[in-house]
């Protein structure tokens, strides 16, 4: 599954990362897999969007879903 990254995560790892998840995996499992390649402190504070909607950790992710990790940002 290709996961889109934004802001500081994109700076750290590039625009996308590829992860392999079993069928029926949830956002929680996705976070655990992403923690292997992304800064965990930033990942823990980041929102996950699945198919353009914010998703909680119990949301199932499927092959073909558009998944994005959106870290907190600041600005004015």
Protein backbone atom coordinates (compact mmCIF):
# COMPACT_ATOMS: atom_id res chain seq x y z
CA UNK A 1 0.00 0.00 0.00
CA UNK A 2 1.30 3.44 -0.91
CA UNK A 3 0.98 6.02 1.87
CA UNK A 4 1.16 9.74 1.12
CA UNK A 5 3.21 11.91 3.48
CA UNK A 6 2.94 15.62 4.12
CA UNK A 7 4.84 18.47 5.82
CA UNK A 8 7.68 17.37 8.15
CA UNK A 9 7.10 13.66 7.47
CA UNK A 10 7.52 14.31 3.75
CA UNK A 11 10.75 16.16 4.51
CA UNK A 12 11.99 13.21 6.57
CA UNK A 13 11.03 10.31 4.30
CA UNK A 14 9.89 11.62 0.90
CA UNK A 15 6.43 12.01 -0.62
CA UNK A 16 5.36 8.38 -0.16
CA UNK A 17 6.24 5.17 1.63
CA UNK A 18 5.20 1.63 0.76
CA UNK A 19 3.93 -0.72 3.47
CA UNK A 20 2.64 -4.28 3.40
CA UNK A 21 -0.39 -5.00 5.54
CA UNK A 22 -2.50 -8.13 5.85
CA UNK A 23 -6.15 -8.15 4.83
CA UNK A 24 -8.34 -6.64 7.52
CA UNK A 25 -5.57 -4.40 8.89
CA UNK A 26 -6.57 -1.26 10.75
CA UNK A 27 -5.09 2.21 11.02
CA UNK A 28 -3.53 1.03 14.30
CA UNK A 29 -1.61 -1.67 12.40
CA UNK A 30 -0.68 0.87 9.75
CA UNK A 31 0.75 3.19 12.42
CA UNK A 32 2.82 0.31 13.84
CA UNK A 33 4.23 -0.46 10.40
CA UNK A 34 4.93 3.20 9.64
CA UNK A 35 6.77 3.57 12.98
CA UNK A 36 9.51 1.38 11.49
CA UNK A 37 10.38 4.04 8.89
CA UNK A 38 9.07 7.38 10.18
CA UNK A 39 9.96 9.52 13.22
CA UNK A 40 7.72 7.98 15.88
CA UNK A 41 7.24 11.15 17.97
CA UNK A 42 5.86 12.98 14.95
CA UNK A 43 3.84 9.98 13.75
CA UNK A 44 2.11 9.69 17.14
CA UNK A 45 0.74 13.23 16.79
CA UNK A 46 -0.23 12.85 13.13
CA UNK A 47 -3.70 12.35 11.70
CA UNK A 48 -4.39 9.53 9.26
CA UNK A 49 -6.82 10.04 6.39
CA UNK A 50 -8.32 7.16 4.45
CA UNK A 51 -10.02 8.05 1.18
CA UNK A 52 -10.05 11.78 2.04
CA UNK A 53 -11.62 11.35 5.50
CA UNK A 54 -9.87 11.40 8.86
CA UNK A 55 -9.81 7.91 10.34
CA UNK A 56 -9.43 6.64 13.89
CA UNK A 57 -7.21 3.70 14.82
CA UNK A 58 -10.04 1.17 14.47
CA UNK A 59 -10.74 2.05 10.82
CA UNK A 60 -9.95 -0.76 8.39
CA UNK A 61 -7.61 -0.01 5.50
CA UNK A 62 -7.86 -1.96 2.27
CA UNK A 63 -5.70 -2.37 -0.80
CA UNK A 64 -6.53 0.47 -3.15
CA UNK A 65 -7.46 2.95 -0.41
CA UNK A 66 -5.81 6.36 -0.58
CA UNK A 67 -4.03 6.77 2.73
CA UNK A 68 -2.32 9.96 3.92
CA UNK A 69 -0.40 10.84 7.07
CA UNK A 70 -0.83 14.47 8.06
CA UNK A 71 1.41 15.75 10.87
CA UNK A 72 0.46 18.77 12.94
CA UNK A 73 1.44 22.05 11.34
CA UNK A 74 1.72 25.57 12.61
CA UNK A 75 1.71 28.86 10.90
CA UNK A 76 -0.10 32.05 10.59
